[in-house]
Amino acid sequence: MSQKKLVRDLTVGNLTPVLLKFAIPVMLSNLLQTAYNMADMVIVGKYVSSAGLSAVSVGGDVMHFYMFLGMGFATAGQIMIAQYVGAGKRSSLNEVIGTLFTFVLLLSATLGMIGALTAGKMLDLLNAPPESRAGALAYTTCCCVGMVFMFGYNTLSAVLRGMGDSRHPMFFIGFAAMLNIVLDLVFIAGLGLEAFGAALGTVMSQGVSFILCLSYLYKNREDFGFDFKLRSFRLSKTPLKTLVKLGIPIAIQSSAGSISTLFVSSFVNPYGVVTSAVSGIGAKLNSIALIVANAMNVSGAAVIGQNFGAGRLDRVKGVVYRVFLIDFCFVSLLSIAILSFPKQIFGIFDSSAEILAMAPLYAPVAAISFMGFAFRSPSLALINGLGHSKINFLMGIIEGFVLRIGLTLLLGVVLDLGVQGFWYGSVIASYGYGLVVFPYFFSGKWKNKKSVAA
């Protein structure tokens, strides 16, 4: 395989086809990943109970916190690689990639151990319903033990995407998605392992994705830009400094949203298993909107990163407009669907009368959440593509703590709107990105930002 095929130049060609050609495999990857994440919920809902759905939902909230921490540094690695490729500095990639690999490995091992040891305390802080606590503990502990595979795959995928390759991550996650569904049926429907079975299937399938991706990169190591020699895995000072400078604000931004979501869950969970399960289904519906939103965010950031590194500022501006338009059209269709058919959509996961009765109450919440992605996705694409650590940190504080927690307390506690207040407060907060980043974008001040590859 030649370097031309492995490393793709995103700084040339008509911008819309370049963006879509990169984004479509990412969308398909997200679709497959969402499919096997939803498989946990659907299979648990069919073969266990609402308590099982609640266990996967609460355990999933805990894992999202840890995963967002890891994704912060994976995204930082993608930014660095994209800007180095765009600037034509491929000779520096060996140090960058080796530092990224070693740092993420150490981080995942540390967080996995901490997560497994503190899982029970985390669930207590979340006020996990008594009926689902044991299942949530088993789910969380299992996922923490396998965290190195989850972090590892996401990091390898970020490296490939930074180089302009979005197809191969799609192939690897596709195989894992099919494997996860099979394992869910074996562990949950066949062996009756309930929530633990869902976690075990997820960890094993992510492990397969990691091994396949790593094998591909090793096979093409000469063109890839990393030789896999032991000495190359050392933590080099300059790329480590840049990785930490970029990664910590992104991790804070991502984990702040997760922490605030955990905070909201601690108020929602005491309302009982049914309410907790409905919130969990709502989170899975959000993951459908994220199929496109995250794809456009990740793809937009990769294209922006290479073009910003190459000094093609005109193309950076065009990417932001296109990401917004594509996201807006998609989430508008989803919003219409959930508002028109709430019971039918929720019934896919759990057809119990209690769940279906609450579905229409959650439908407007879901629609508001979906539309927020149209503003959030292009904002993230811009600030991540530029490698703007200060705005990432600022947005983590504003969206995660000030808006989400503030609005949740205002609507749910002060105005005494109960669970609906907690729901609405949480999703309205996602519009904060647009309120901050869009004025920054239209001001043109982003053009003065210095590239990390400079």
Protein backbone atom coordinates (compact mmCIF):
# COMPACT_ATOMS: atom_id res chain seq x y z
CA MET A 1 0.00 0.00 0.00
CA SER A 2 1.42 3.38 -0.98
CA GLN A 3 1.57 6.43 1.21
CA LYS A 4 -0.79 8.16 -1.21
CA LYS A 5 -3.52 5.70 -0.25
CA LEU A 6 -2.76 5.65 3.46
CA VAL A 7 -2.36 9.42 3.97
CA ARG A 8 -5.01 11.47 2.20
CA ASP A 9 -4.55 15.16 1.38
CA LEU A 10 -7.70 17.05 2.41
CA THR A 11 -6.37 20.46 1.34
CA VAL A 12 -7.17 20.05 -2.37
CA GLY A 13 -10.27 19.38 -4.44
CA ASN A 14 -13.86 20.58 -4.32
CA LEU A 15 -14.66 21.07 -0.62
CA THR A 16 -18.12 19.47 -0.44
CA PRO A 17 -17.07 16.14 -2.04
CA VAL A 18 -13.87 16.12 0.06
CA LEU A 19 -15.86 16.61 3.28
CA LEU A 20 -18.59 14.10 2.39
CA LYS A 21 -16.15 11.48 1.12
CA PHE A 22 -14.41 11.65 4.49
CA ALA A 23 -17.64 11.98 6.51
CA ILE A 24 -19.68 9.13 5.02
CA PRO A 25 -17.40 6.33 6.31
CA VAL A 26 -17.40 8.07 9.71
CA MET A 27 -21.21 8.19 9.63
CA LEU A 28 -21.32 4.50 8.78
CA SER A 29 -18.87 3.80 11.61
CA ASN A 30 -21.08 5.76 14.01
CA LEU A 31 -24.15 3.96 12.70
CA LEU A 32 -22.54 0.59 13.32
CA GLN A 33 -21.27 1.65 16.75
CA THR A 34 -24.71 3.01 17.65
CA ALA A 35 -26.29 -0.22 16.41
CA TYR A 36 -24.24 -2.37 18.74
CA ASN A 37 -24.65 0.07 21.64
CA MET A 38 -28.40 0.02 21.09
CA ALA A 39 -28.28 -3.75 20.85
CA ASP A 40 -27.38 -3.78 24.56
CA MET A 41 -30.54 -1.81 25.37
CA VAL A 42 -32.86 -3.66 23.00
CA ILE A 43 -31.70 -7.16 23.98
CA VAL A 44 -31.64 -6.32 27.70
CA GLY A 45 -35.11 -4.76 27.38
CA LYS A 46 -36.49 -7.86 25.65
CA TYR A 47 -34.81 -10.56 27.73
CA VAL A 48 -34.37 -8.98 31.17
CA SER A 49 -36.60 -6.16 32.48
CA SER A 50 -36.89 -2.43 33.02
CA ALA A 51 -34.45 -2.90 35.92
CA GLY A 52 -31.95 -4.33 33.42
CA LEU A 53 -32.45 -1.31 31.14
CA SER A 54 -31.90 0.96 34.11
CA ALA A 55 -28.70 -0.91 35.03
CA VAL A 56 -27.23 -0.49 31.53
CA SER A 57 -28.34 3.16 31.50
CA VAL A 58 -26.80 4.05 34.88
CA GLY A 59 -23.64 2.02 34.24
CA GLY A 60 -23.37 3.64 30.83
CA ASP A 61 -23.48 7.10 32.41
CA VAL A 62 -20.45 6.22 34.55
CA MET A 63 -18.53 4.82 31.58
CA HIS A 64 -19.26 7.86 29.43
CA PHE A 65 -17.39 9.96 31.96
CA TYR A 66 -14.24 7.85 31.62
CA MET A 67 -14.56 7.48 27.86
CA PHE A 68 -14.83 11.24 27.38
CA LEU A 69 -11.57 11.68 29.29
CA GLY A 70 -9.85 9.27 26.91
CA MET A 71 -11.45 10.80 23.83
CA GLY A 72 -10.06 14.19 24.82
CA PHE A 73 -6.51 12.97 24.24
CA ALA A 74 -7.44 10.91 21.17
CA THR A 75 -8.95 14.05 19.64
CA ALA A 76 -5.83 16.02 20.57
CA GLY A 77 -3.75 13.39 18.75
CA GLN A 78 -5.97 13.71 15.67
CA ILE A 79 -5.56 17.49 15.70
CA MET A 80 -1.77 17.24 15.93
CA ILE A 81 -1.49 14.64 13.18
CA ALA A 82 -3.87 16.48 10.83
CA GLN A 83 -2.01 19.78 11.20
CA TYR A 84 1.40 18.11 10.79
CA VAL A 85 0.18 16.34 7.63
CA GLY A 86 -1.33 19.57 6.31
CA ALA A 87 1.91 21.44 6.98
CA GLY A 88 3.92 18.73 5.18
CA LYS A 89 5.85 17.70 8.31
CA ARG A 90 5.34 13.94 8.12
CA SER A 91 8.86 13.24 9.36
CA SER A 92 7.72 14.37 12.85
CA LEU A 93 4.87 11.84 13.01
CA ASN A 94 6.91 9.02 14.58
CA GLU A 95 7.50 11.02 17.77
CA VAL A 96 3.93 12.31 17.88
CA ILE A 97 2.31 8.90 17.41
CA GLY A 98 4.65 7.08 19.80
CA THR A 99 4.01 9.63 22.53
CA LEU A 100 0.26 9.43 21.94
CA PHE A 101 0.20 5.62 22.11
CA THR A 102 2.18 5.40 25.35
CA PHE A 103 0.31 8.23 27.06
CA VAL A 104 -3.12 6.77 26.26
CA LEU A 105 -2.03 3.28 27.35
CA LEU A 106 -0.92 4.59 30.74
CA LEU A 107 -4.05 6.72 31.08
CA SER A 108 -6.43 3.86 30.26
CA ALA A 109 -4.73 1.47 32.69
CA THR A 110 -4.87 4.07 35.47
CA LEU A 111 -8.48 5.10 34.88
CA GLY A 112 -9.58 1.47 34.45
CA MET A 113 -8.16 0.54 37.83
CA ILE A 114 -9.63 3.61 39.53
CA GLY A 115 -12.99 3.03 37.88
CA ALA A 116 -13.21 -0.61 38.92
CA LEU A 117 -12.27 0.19 42.53
CA THR A 118 -14.68 3.11 42.88
CA ALA A 119 -17.63 1.81 40.83
CA GLY A 120 -19.83 1.21 43.87
CA LYS A 121 -19.24 4.69 45.26
CA MET A 122 -19.99 6.24 41.86
CA LEU A 123 -23.32 4.42 41.71
CA ASP A 124 -24.18 5.60 45.21
CA LEU A 125 -23.48 9.19 44.16
CA LEU A 126 -25.82 8.67 41.21
CA ASN A 127 -28.61 7.37 43.47
CA ALA A 128 -28.86 4.22 41.35
CA PRO A 129 -32.29 2.57 41.86
CA PRO A 130 -31.97 -0.37 44.33
CA GLU A 131 -33.49 -2.80 41.82
CA SER A 132 -30.80 -2.07 39.23
CA ARG A 133 -27.76 -1.34 41.40
CA ALA A 134 -26.23 -4.84 41.29
CA GLY A 135 -26.54 -4.98 37.51
CA ALA A 136 -25.12 -1.47 37.12
CA LEU A 137 -22.15 -2.41 39.32
CA ALA A 138 -21.40 -5.52 37.26
CA TYR A 139 -21.73 -3.53 34.02
CA THR A 140 -19.44 -0.71 35.18
CA THR A 141 -16.76 -2.97 36.66
CA CYS A 142 -16.55 -5.12 33.53
CA CYS A 143 -16.24 -2.09 31.24
CA CYS A 144 -13.53 -0.57 33.45
CA VAL A 145 -11.48 -3.76 33.27
CA GLY A 146 -11.65 -3.60 29.46
CA MET A 147 -11.04 0.14 29.24
CA VAL A 148 -7.64 -0.27 27.58
CA PHE A 149 -9.34 -1.78 24.50
CA MET A 150 -11.90 1.02 24.31
CA PHE A 151 -9.31 3.77 24.66
CA GLY A 152 -6.93 1.94 22.34
CA TYR A 153 -9.37 1.58 19.46
CA ASN A 154 -10.54 5.19 19.68
CA THR A 155 -6.94 6.41 19.66
CA LEU A 156 -5.94 4.30 16.66
CA SER A 157 -9.02 5.50 14.77
CA ALA A 158 -8.17 9.11 15.61
CA VAL A 159 -4.66 8.63 14.21
CA LEU A 160 -6.01 7.25 10.94
CA ARG A 161 -8.57 10.04 10.64
CA GLY A 162 -5.92 12.67 11.28
CA MET A 163 -4.12 11.24 8.25
CA GLY A 164 -7.29 11.51 6.19
CA ASP A 165 -8.29 7.83 6.36
CA SER A 166 -11.87 7.34 7.57
CA ARG A 167 -12.59 4.09 5.70
CA HIS A 168 -10.54 1.60 7.69
CA PRO A 169 -11.98 2.53 11.10
CA MET A 170 -15.39 1.84 9.53
CA PHE A 171 -14.35 -1.67 8.48
CA PHE A 172 -12.99 -2.52 11.92
CA ILE A 173 -15.99 -1.22 13.84
CA GLY A 174 -18.33 -2.96 11.39
CA PHE A 175 -16.92 -6.35 12.23
CA ALA A 176 -17.04 -5.52 15.93
CA ALA A 177 -20.68 -4.40 15.68
CA MET A 178 -21.78 -7.73 14.24
CA LEU A 179 -19.74 -9.59 16.84
CA ASN A 180 -21.24 -7.54 19.68
CA ILE A 181 -24.80 -8.35 18.67
CA VAL A 182 -23.97 -12.06 18.49
CA LEU A 183 -22.24 -11.93 21.88
CA ASP A 184 -25.17 -10.03 23.41
CA LEU A 185 -27.55 -12.76 22.29
CA VAL A 186 -25.22 -15.46 23.64
CA PHE A 187 -24.48 -13.79 26.98
CA ILE A 188 -27.89 -12.24 27.69
CA ALA A 189 -30.50 -14.34 25.90
CA GLY A 190 -28.57 -17.61 26.06
CA LEU A 191 -26.61 -17.54 29.33
CA GLY A 192 -28.78 -15.08 31.24
CA LEU A 193 -25.88 -12.82 32.27
CA GLU A 194 -28.11 -9.71 32.06
CA ALA A 195 -26.29 -6.34 32.35
CA PHE A 196 -22.90 -8.03 32.90
CA GLY A 197 -23.40 -9.89 29.62
CA ALA A 198 -24.05 -6.61 27.81
CA ALA A 199 -20.79 -5.16 29.19
CA LEU A 200 -18.81 -8.32 28.39
CA GLY A 201 -20.04 -8.31 24.80
CA THR A 202 -19.09 -4.64 24.41
CA VAL A 203 -15.60 -5.10 25.85
CA MET A 204 -14.85 -8.18 23.75
CA SER A 205 -16.06 -6.57 20.53
CA GLN A 206 -14.07 -3.40 21.23
CA GLY A 207 -11.05 -5.60 21.86
CA VAL A 208 -11.48 -7.15 18.42
CA SER A 209 -11.69 -3.67 16.85
CA PHE A 210 -8.49 -2.66 18.63
CA ILE A 211 -6.56 -5.75 17.53
CA LEU A 212 -7.71 -5.46 13.91
CA CYS A 213 -6.82 -1.76 13.74
CA LEU A 214 -3.43 -2.30 15.41
CA SER A 215 -2.61 -5.17 13.03
CA TYR A 216 -3.44 -3.00 10.04
CA LEU A 217 -1.23 -0.17 11.24
CA TYR A 218 1.66 -2.53 12.00
CA LYS A 219 1.41 -4.15 8.58
CA ASN A 220 1.60 -0.70 6.93
CA ARG A 221 4.02 0.81 9.41
CA GLU A 222 6.42 2.20 6.77
CA ASP A 223 3.72 4.22 5.01
CA PHE A 224 1.93 4.92 8.29
CA GLY A 225 4.81 6.96 9.72
CA PHE A 226 5.45 4.92 12.88
CA ASP A 227 7.99 2.10 13.01
CA PHE A 228 6.66 0.31 16.15
CA LYS A 229 10.19 -0.05 17.52
CA LEU A 230 10.38 -0.09 21.32
CA ARG A 231 12.39 3.14 21.50
CA SER A 232 9.71 4.94 19.52
CA PHE A 233 7.19 4.47 22.33
CA ARG A 234 9.04 6.85 24.63
CA LEU A 235 7.29 10.00 25.82
CA SER A 236 9.00 12.75 23.81
CA LYS A 237 9.01 16.15 25.50
CA THR A 238 7.73 18.42 22.70
CA PRO A 239 4.81 16.31 21.43
CA LEU A 240 3.89 15.37 25.02
CA LYS A 241 3.70 19.03 25.96
CA THR A 242 1.45 19.77 22.98
CA LEU A 243 -0.67 16.66 23.61
CA VAL A 244 -1.27 17.64 27.23
CA LYS A 245 -1.89 21.28 26.32
CA LEU A 246 -4.55 20.28 23.78
CA GLY A 247 -5.85 17.14 25.47
CA ILE A 248 -6.55 18.41 28.98
CA PRO A 249 -8.94 21.20 27.88
CA ILE A 250 -10.74 18.82 25.48
CA ALA A 251 -10.96 16.19 28.22
CA ILE A 252 -12.27 18.81 30.65
CA GLN A 253 -14.77 20.02 28.06
CA SER A 254 -15.96 16.47 27.37
CA SER A 255 -15.90 15.21 30.95
CA ALA A 256 -17.55 18.38 32.27
CA GLY A 257 -20.54 17.53 30.12
CA SER A 258 -20.42 13.96 31.40
CA ILE A 259 -20.08 15.07 35.05
CA SER A 260 -23.02 17.41 34.68
CA THR A 261 -25.01 14.58 33.06
CA LEU A 262 -24.17 12.37 36.03
CA PHE A 263 -25.38 15.20 38.26
CA VAL A 264 -28.68 15.32 36.37
CA SER A 265 -28.97 11.51 36.60
CA SER A 266 -28.59 11.70 40.38
CA PHE A 267 -31.80 13.73 40.45
CA VAL A 268 -33.63 11.62 37.85
CA ASN A 269 -32.78 8.14 39.19
CA PRO A 270 -34.70 8.51 42.51
CA TYR A 271 -37.90 8.80 40.45
CA GLY A 272 -37.64 5.04 39.93
CA VAL A 273 -36.73 2.35 37.46
CA VAL A 274 -39.21 3.42 34.78
CA THR A 275 -38.00 7.03 34.72
CA SER A 276 -34.38 5.87 34.73
CA ALA A 277 -35.10 3.51 31.84
CA VAL A 278 -36.85 6.26 29.85
CA SER A 279 -33.81 8.50 30.36
CA GLY A 280 -31.61 5.64 29.15
CA ILE A 281 -33.72 5.20 26.02
CA GLY A 282 -33.52 8.95 25.49
CA ALA A 283 -29.73 8.72 25.63
CA LYS A 284 -29.80 6.02 22.97
CA LEU A 285 -32.06 8.17 20.78
CA ASN A 286 -29.48 10.95 21.15
CA SER A 287 -26.90 8.51 19.85
CA ILE A 288 -28.92 8.29 16.61
CA ALA A 289 -28.64 12.06 16.16
CA LEU A 290 -24.96 11.76 16.96
CA ILE A 291 -24.46 9.37 14.03
CA VAL A 292 -24.37 12.42 11.76
CA ALA A 293 -23.44 15.10 14.30
CA ASN A 294 -20.31 13.34 15.54
CA ALA A 295 -19.37 12.29 12.02
CA MET A 296 -19.52 15.89 10.82
CA ASN A 297 -17.67 17.06 13.92
CA VAL A 298 -14.86 14.51 13.53
CA SER A 299 -14.69 14.90 9.74
CA GLY A 300 -14.94 18.67 9.86
CA ALA A 301 -12.14 18.81 12.46
CA ALA A 302 -9.88 16.59 10.30
CA VAL A 303 -10.48 18.66 7.17
CA ILE A 304 -10.12 21.93 9.10
CA GLY A 305 -6.96 20.64 10.79
CA GLN A 306 -5.17 19.83 7.54
CA ASN A 307 -6.31 23.02 5.81
CA PHE A 308 -5.45 25.22 8.78
CA GLY A 309 -2.01 23.60 8.96
CA ALA A 310 -1.59 24.34 5.25
CA GLY A 311 -2.81 27.94 5.63
CA ARG A 312 -5.99 27.34 3.55
CA LEU A 313 -8.27 29.54 5.67
CA ASP A 314 -10.89 29.92 2.94
CA ARG A 315 -11.57 26.20 3.07
CA VAL A 316 -11.79 26.24 6.88
CA LYS A 317 -14.67 28.71 6.65
CA GLY A 318 -16.45 26.62 4.02
CA VAL A 319 -16.26 23.49 6.19
CA VAL A 320 -18.06 25.19 9.09
CA TYR A 321 -21.01 26.23 6.89
CA ARG A 322 -21.34 22.78 5.35
CA VAL A 323 -21.20 20.97 8.69
CA PHE A 324 -24.01 23.15 10.07
CA LEU A 325 -26.26 22.66 7.02
CA ILE A 326 -25.88 18.88 6.91
CA ASP A 327 -26.48 18.53 10.65
CA PHE A 328 -29.50 20.84 10.63
CA CYS A 329 -31.27 18.92 7.86
CA PHE A 330 -30.71 15.55 9.56
CA VAL A 331 -31.77 16.52 13.09
CA SER A 332 -34.87 18.29 11.74
CA LEU A 333 -36.07 14.98 10.29
CA LEU A 334 -35.34 13.17 13.57
CA SER A 335 -37.21 15.80 15.56
CA ILE A 336 -40.29 15.42 13.39
CA ALA A 337 -40.15 11.63 13.78
CA ILE A 338 -39.88 11.60 17.60
CA LEU A 339 -42.64 14.19 18.00
CA SER A 340 -44.94 12.27 15.64
CA PHE A 341 -44.33 8.70 16.83
CA PRO A 342 -42.99 8.72 20.42
CA LYS A 343 -44.67 5.52 21.63
CA GLN A 344 -43.74 3.52 18.57
CA ILE A 345 -40.08 4.60 18.82
CA PHE A 346 -39.80 3.97 22.58
CA GLY A 347 -41.59 0.65 22.10
CA ILE A 348 -38.62 -0.62 20.11
CA PHE A 349 -36.69 -0.74 23.39
CA ASP A 350 -39.40 -1.56 25.92
CA SER A 351 -43.09 -2.08 25.22
CA SER A 352 -44.25 -2.00 28.85
CA ALA A 353 -47.24 0.26 29.51
CA GLU A 354 -45.32 2.44 31.97
CA ILE A 355 -42.55 3.19 29.47
CA LEU A 356 -44.99 3.95 26.65
CA ALA A 357 -47.05 6.24 28.89
CA MET A 358 -43.98 8.38 29.63
CA ALA A 359 -42.69 8.45 26.03
CA PRO A 360 -44.79 11.48 24.89
CA LEU A 361 -43.46 13.47 27.87
CA TYR A 362 -39.88 12.85 26.76
CA ALA A 363 -40.44 13.43 23.01
CA PRO A 364 -40.13 17.28 23.10
CA VAL A 365 -37.00 16.91 25.26
CA ALA A 366 -35.46 14.66 22.61
CA ALA A 367 -36.39 17.09 19.79
CA ILE A 368 -34.74 20.02 21.60
CA SER A 369 -31.67 17.90 22.22
CA PHE A 370 -31.47 16.86 18.55
CA MET A 371 -31.62 20.45 17.30
CA GLY A 372 -28.85 21.46 19.68
CA PHE A 373 -26.45 19.20 17.80
CA ALA A 374 -26.81 21.37 14.68
CA PHE A 375 -25.12 24.21 16.57
CA ARG A 376 -22.75 22.12 18.67
CA SER A 377 -21.22 20.03 15.86
CA PRO A 378 -19.81 22.83 13.64
CA SER A 379 -18.60 24.62 16.77
CA LEU A 380 -16.65 21.55 17.90
CA ALA A 381 -15.33 20.96 14.36
CA LEU A 382 -13.91 24.48 14.30
CA ILE A 383 -12.31 24.65 17.73
CA ASN A 384 -10.98 21.07 17.57
CA GLY A 385 -9.66 21.50 14.04
CA LEU A 386 -7.87 24.69 15.07
CA GLY A 387 -6.57 23.05 18.24
CA HIS A 388 -8.03 25.89 20.33
CA SER A 389 -7.45 24.66 23.87
CA LYS A 390 -8.65 27.84 25.60
CA ILE A 391 -12.11 27.76 24.05
CA ASN A 392 -12.41 24.03 24.73
CA PHE A 393 -11.70 24.67 28.41
CA LEU A 394 -14.07 27.64 28.52
CA MET A 395 -16.89 25.69 26.90
CA GLY A 396 -16.44 22.77 29.26
CA ILE A 397 -17.04 25.11 32.19
CA ILE A 398 -19.90 27.07 30.58
CA GLU A 399 -21.84 24.19 29.07
CA GLY A 400 -21.12 21.50 31.62
CA PHE A 401 -21.27 23.33 34.91
CA VAL A 402 -22.83 26.78 34.47
CA LEU A 403 -25.61 25.95 31.99
CA ARG A 404 -26.43 22.27 32.49
CA ILE A 405 -26.22 22.18 36.28
CA GLY A 406 -27.59 25.74 36.61
CA LEU A 407 -30.59 25.16 34.35
CA THR A 408 -31.25 21.76 35.89
CA LEU A 409 -31.41 23.22 39.39
CA LEU A 410 -33.46 26.21 38.20
CA LEU A 411 -36.10 24.20 36.34
CA GLY A 412 -36.13 21.04 38.42
CA VAL A 413 -35.64 22.39 41.94
CA VAL A 414 -36.33 26.14 42.09
CA LEU A 415 -39.33 26.07 39.72
CA ASP A 416 -40.26 22.59 40.98
CA LEU A 417 -40.92 21.11 37.54
CA GLY A 418 -39.69 17.72 38.72
CA VAL A 419 -38.17 15.23 36.33
CA GLN A 420 -39.20 17.25 33.25
CA GLY A 421 -37.31 20.22 34.64
CA PHE A 422 -34.19 18.09 34.98
CA TRP A 423 -34.60 16.77 31.46
CA TYR A 424 -35.16 20.18 29.84
CA GLY A 425 -32.39 21.86 31.79
CA SER A 426 -29.92 19.26 30.60
CA VAL A 427 -30.70 19.47 26.88
CA ILE A 428 -31.07 23.26 26.62
CA ALA A 429 -27.49 23.57 27.88
CA SER A 430 -26.15 22.07 24.64
CA TYR A 431 -26.96 25.33 22.81
CA GLY A 432 -24.20 27.04 24.77
CA TYR A 433 -21.58 26.10 22.18
CA GLY A 434 -23.30 28.06 19.45
CA LEU A 435 -23.70 31.11 21.68
CA VAL A 436 -19.93 31.28 22.25
CA VAL A 437 -18.27 29.78 19.15
CA PHE A 438 -20.48 31.24 16.40
CA PRO A 439 -19.69 34.89 17.33
CA TYR A 440 -15.99 33.93 17.49
CA PHE A 441 -16.22 32.35 14.04
CA PHE A 442 -18.01 35.30 12.40
CA SER A 443 -15.57 37.78 13.99
CA GLY A 444 -12.71 36.21 12.01
CA LYS A 445 -10.38 36.23 15.05
CA TRP A 446 -9.78 32.50 14.60
CA LYS A 447 -7.63 33.32 11.54
CA ASN A 448 -4.92 34.64 13.87
CA LYS A 449 -4.62 31.33 15.74
CA LYS A 450 -1.17 29.69 15.47
CA SER A 451 -0.97 26.13 14.11
CA VAL A 452 0.45 23.47 16.47
CA ALA A 453 2.68 22.35 13.57
CA ALA A 454 4.21 25.82 13.17
